[in-house]
Each structure stands twice: as structure tokens, then as C-alpha cells.
């Protein structure tokens, strides 16, 4: 920058035009170009892609859930659900456990699941017992990870005899093992 006699300044920077500034004047920067707005098509395309991805995720989840609930699929595992019932005393209510020949039947008792070839394929344990409205002592059965593919399954609680059920029945939640005549 060079200052001339009249108080004006000249700028000699590279690439800048030779301009004079009056004393006390403030130099204004050159205006910036206006930012370019994205075209509406880009916003629409982004929303469309986001919707498609969300639909794919939801659809995949629905297909996986249906596949799991249908019990189809070769070597997939399912959860065996049911109950063990022991004849109770009339009018009994509240929590319960087995006694006498059923003294091994209580919360935590071992459940063994065998396939149609007699191989142990899953184990679990009984839940807490409670009397139902018919005074039977009822224990929930929930055995996770039973492999699919066997024609039938045998379920044994403690040292008591096994109950054999068909593959389809094993998936329904209707397994009932009656002990003591109920």
C-alpha cells in the first residue's frame, strides 16, 4: 500500500486493481457469491432413499419374526412351553411344591428334552409352582433352544416318566404333563 500526498492510499497487492481510498473511508470487502440452494429434487431423493431404507429394515424384521414364529426352517431352534400339574388338595391356594413321590418337583427341577432318536437336545428347569382353580399344583415349563427337525420330542421332569409329543404340538405351548392322576 502506498500513501499519496492527498491522503489517499493505493493498494498494489497482487491481483488487486489499483484503487484509491479516501482518508477515513472504510474498505468494503467484495460481496461473496450467494450460496447455491440444493435443488428440490435432491431433498426429495434423500427422503425417498431414507423411506426405502426404513421400509427394508421393517420388512426384514417382519419376515424374520414370521419365519421364527412359523417354526419352519430346518435347524432353527424354538422354545418349548407348557406345564407340569400335580394333583392337589381341595381348596388349596397359593404357592406349592411336590411332596411324597413328587418331592423332586419344585422350582428349579431339571427338565430334559430328547429328540426322536433319544439324544438329549435341550435342558431347562421348572418355574415356581402355584395352585390353580382346580387345586392342582402347576409349574410352568419354558425350555429355550430346542432344535427343530425332530419328528417328536420326549420331555422328562426329574426322575419321572417321559411324555412324548409331536413336533407340531411342541410348538403350540399346550404341553401338559400330569403327575398324580390329574
Protein backbone atom coordinates (compact mmCIF):
# COMPACT_ATOMS: atom_id res chain seq x y z
CA UNK A 1 0.00 0.00 0.00
CA UNK A 2 1.27 3.45 -0.88
CA UNK A 3 0.04 6.69 0.65
CA UNK A 4 -0.14 9.65 -1.73
CA UNK A 5 0.04 13.33 -0.95
CA UNK A 6 -3.68 13.92 -0.78
CA UNK A 7 -4.03 11.28 1.90
CA UNK A 8 -5.35 8.66 -0.47
CA UNK A 9 -3.96 5.18 -0.29
CA UNK A 10 -3.19 2.96 -3.20
CA UNK A 11 -3.13 -0.81 -2.95
CA UNK A 12 -0.58 -2.68 -5.02
CA UNK A 13 -1.34 -6.22 -3.86
CA UNK A 14 -1.01 -8.93 -6.40
CA UNK A 15 -4.11 -9.49 -8.42
CA UNK A 16 -5.90 -6.43 -6.98
CA UNK A 17 -6.82 -3.46 -9.12
CA UNK A 18 -5.06 -0.21 -8.44
CA UNK A 19 -7.64 1.69 -6.36
CA UNK A 20 -7.54 4.81 -4.31
CA UNK A 21 -9.15 5.14 -0.90
CA UNK A 22 -10.08 8.41 0.66
CA UNK A 23 -8.82 9.06 4.12
CA UNK A 24 -11.31 7.82 6.72
CA UNK A 25 -13.15 5.63 4.27
CA UNK A 26 -13.59 2.03 5.24
CA UNK A 27 -12.76 -0.53 2.64
CA UNK A 28 -15.68 -2.82 1.90
CA UNK A 29 -14.92 -6.43 1.11
CA UNK A 30 -16.16 -7.75 -2.17
CA UNK A 31 -19.55 -9.41 -1.80
CA UNK A 32 -19.48 -13.21 -1.51
CA UNK A 33 -21.34 -15.17 -4.12
CA UNK A 34 -24.80 -16.31 -2.93
CA UNK A 35 -24.79 -19.86 -1.62
CA UNK A 36 -26.38 -22.17 -4.06
CA UNK A 37 -29.52 -23.81 -2.70
CA UNK A 38 -29.85 -27.51 -3.24
CA UNK A 39 -32.37 -28.31 -5.87
CA UNK A 40 -35.70 -29.60 -4.64
CA UNK A 41 -35.06 -32.87 -6.43
CA UNK A 42 -32.08 -33.61 -4.16
CA UNK A 43 -34.18 -33.21 -0.99
CA UNK A 44 -36.94 -35.38 -2.42
CA UNK A 45 -34.46 -38.07 -3.46
CA UNK A 46 -32.92 -38.09 0.05
CA UNK A 47 -36.33 -38.53 1.66
CA UNK A 48 -37.18 -41.28 -0.80
CA UNK A 49 -33.94 -43.15 -0.03
CA UNK A 50 -34.49 -42.78 3.74
CA UNK A 51 -38.05 -44.12 3.41
CA UNK A 52 -36.88 -47.05 1.30
CA UNK A 53 -34.18 -47.97 3.82
CA UNK A 54 -36.66 -47.76 6.72
CA UNK A 55 -39.12 -49.94 4.80
CA UNK A 56 -36.43 -52.50 4.10
CA UNK A 57 -35.46 -52.69 7.78
CA UNK A 58 -39.07 -53.02 8.97
CA UNK A 59 -39.89 -55.54 6.25
CA UNK A 60 -36.85 -57.67 7.06
CA UNK A 61 -37.78 -57.68 10.73
CA UNK A 62 -41.35 -58.76 9.93
CA UNK A 63 -40.13 -61.60 7.71
CA UNK A 64 -37.68 -62.79 10.38
CA UNK A 65 -40.40 -62.70 13.05
CA UNK A 66 -42.85 -64.63 10.86
CA UNK A 67 -40.17 -67.18 10.00
CA UNK A 68 -39.34 -67.72 13.69
CA UNK A 69 -42.98 -67.95 14.77
CA UNK A 70 -43.88 -70.36 11.99
CA UNK A 71 -41.42 -72.93 13.29
CA UNK A 72 -40.15 -73.64 9.82
CA UNK A 73 -36.59 -73.55 8.74
CA UNK A 74 -34.62 -76.72 9.27
CA UNK A 75 -32.06 -76.33 12.01
CA UNK A 76 -33.68 -73.37 13.79
CA UNK A 77 -34.42 -73.58 17.49
CA UNK A 78 -37.72 -72.90 19.24
CA UNK A 79 -38.94 -72.51 22.81
CA UNK A 80 -40.89 -75.40 24.33
CA UNK A 81 -43.65 -74.09 26.61
CA UNK A 82 -46.10 -75.96 28.82
CA UNK A 83 -46.79 -77.01 32.39
CA UNK A 84 -46.46 -79.81 34.92
CA UNK A 85 -49.56 -80.48 37.06
CA UNK A 86 -49.63 -82.41 40.32
CA UNK A 87 -52.93 -83.36 41.97
CA UNK A 88 -53.52 -81.00 44.88
CA UNK A 89 -55.72 -80.82 47.95
CA UNK A 90 -59.24 -79.48 47.52
CA UNK A 91 -59.40 -75.82 48.42
CA UNK A 92 -55.62 -75.36 48.33
CA UNK A 93 -54.32 -71.99 47.11
CA UNK A 94 -51.06 -70.04 46.93
CA UNK A 95 -47.62 -71.42 46.13
CA UNK A 96 -46.89 -75.14 46.15
CA UNK A 97 -44.28 -77.84 45.66
CA UNK A 98 -44.37 -81.59 45.21
CA UNK A 99 -44.38 -83.97 48.16
CA UNK A 100 -44.01 -87.73 48.77
CA UNK A 101 -43.30 -89.42 45.41
CA UNK A 102 -43.17 -85.94 43.81
CA UNK A 103 -40.75 -84.37 46.28
CA UNK A 104 -38.33 -83.66 43.42
CA UNK A 105 -40.92 -81.47 41.70
CA UNK A 106 -40.27 -77.89 42.75
CA UNK A 107 -38.92 -74.64 41.31
CA UNK A 108 -35.62 -75.39 39.56
CA UNK A 109 -36.33 -79.11 38.96
CA UNK A 110 -34.48 -80.42 35.89
CA UNK A 111 -36.33 -80.72 32.58
CA UNK A 112 -34.77 -82.88 29.87
CA UNK A 113 -35.84 -82.77 26.21
CA UNK A 114 -34.83 -85.63 23.88
CA UNK A 115 -35.30 -85.89 20.12
CA UNK A 116 -36.91 -88.89 18.37
CA UNK A 117 -33.50 -90.66 18.32
CA UNK A 118 -33.26 -90.40 22.14
CA UNK A 119 -30.49 -87.77 22.19
CA UNK A 120 -30.68 -85.00 24.81
CA UNK A 121 -31.20 -81.82 22.75
CA UNK A 122 -32.14 -79.28 25.44
CA UNK A 123 -32.49 -78.86 29.19
CA UNK A 124 -34.32 -76.41 31.38
CA UNK A 125 -35.88 -76.08 34.80
CA UNK A 126 -39.33 -75.65 36.28
CA UNK A 127 -40.64 -72.28 37.40
CA UNK A 128 -42.41 -71.65 40.72
CA UNK A 129 -45.47 -73.76 41.49
CA UNK A 130 -48.88 -72.33 42.33
CA UNK A 131 -52.30 -73.88 42.83
CA UNK A 132 -54.79 -73.32 40.02
CA UNK A 133 -58.57 -73.03 40.38
CA UNK A 134 -58.88 -76.84 40.39
CA UNK A 135 -56.43 -77.15 43.33
CA UNK A 136 -53.72 -78.69 41.14
CA UNK A 137 -50.13 -77.60 41.81
CA UNK A 138 -48.95 -76.17 38.46
CA UNK A 139 -45.34 -75.46 37.42
CA UNK A 140 -44.50 -73.58 34.20
CA UNK A 141 -42.22 -75.19 31.63
CA UNK A 142 -40.05 -72.96 29.43
CA UNK A 143 -37.15 -74.63 27.61
CA UNK A 144 -35.33 -72.38 25.14
CA UNK A 145 -33.12 -73.55 22.29
CA UNK A 146 -34.92 -76.79 21.35
CA UNK A 147 -33.58 -77.60 17.88
CA UNK A 148 -36.08 -78.01 15.08
CA UNK A 149 -36.07 -81.07 12.88
CA UNK A 150 -37.13 -83.99 15.08
CA UNK A 151 -40.38 -85.81 14.31
CA UNK A 152 -41.17 -85.92 18.03
CA UNK A 153 -39.70 -84.96 21.40
CA UNK A 154 -39.72 -86.64 24.80
CA UNK A 155 -39.90 -84.38 27.85
CA UNK A 156 -38.92 -85.59 31.32
CA UNK A 157 -39.13 -83.75 34.63
CA UNK A 158 -36.92 -85.05 37.43
CA UNK A 159 -36.87 -88.86 37.52
CA UNK A 160 -40.49 -89.25 36.41
CA UNK A 161 -41.61 -90.90 33.18
CA UNK A 162 -41.23 -89.06 29.89
CA UNK A 163 -44.04 -87.61 27.84
CA UNK A 164 -43.67 -87.83 24.06
CA UNK A 165 -45.13 -85.09 21.90
CA UNK A 166 -45.16 -84.48 18.16
CA UNK A 167 -43.08 -81.69 16.64
CA UNK A 168 -46.14 -79.55 15.89
CA UNK A 169 -47.52 -79.91 19.43
CA UNK A 170 -44.14 -78.96 20.90
CA UNK A 171 -44.51 -75.50 19.30
CA UNK A 172 -48.06 -74.73 20.46
CA UNK A 173 -47.47 -74.14 24.18
CA UNK A 174 -50.01 -76.85 25.00
CA UNK A 175 -47.65 -79.36 26.62
CA UNK A 176 -49.25 -80.60 29.85
CA UNK A 177 -47.54 -83.24 31.99
CA UNK A 178 -49.98 -84.62 34.57
CA UNK A 179 -48.50 -86.30 37.63
CA UNK A 180 -50.59 -87.93 40.33
CA UNK A 181 -53.79 -88.60 38.41
CA UNK A 182 -54.95 -85.14 37.20
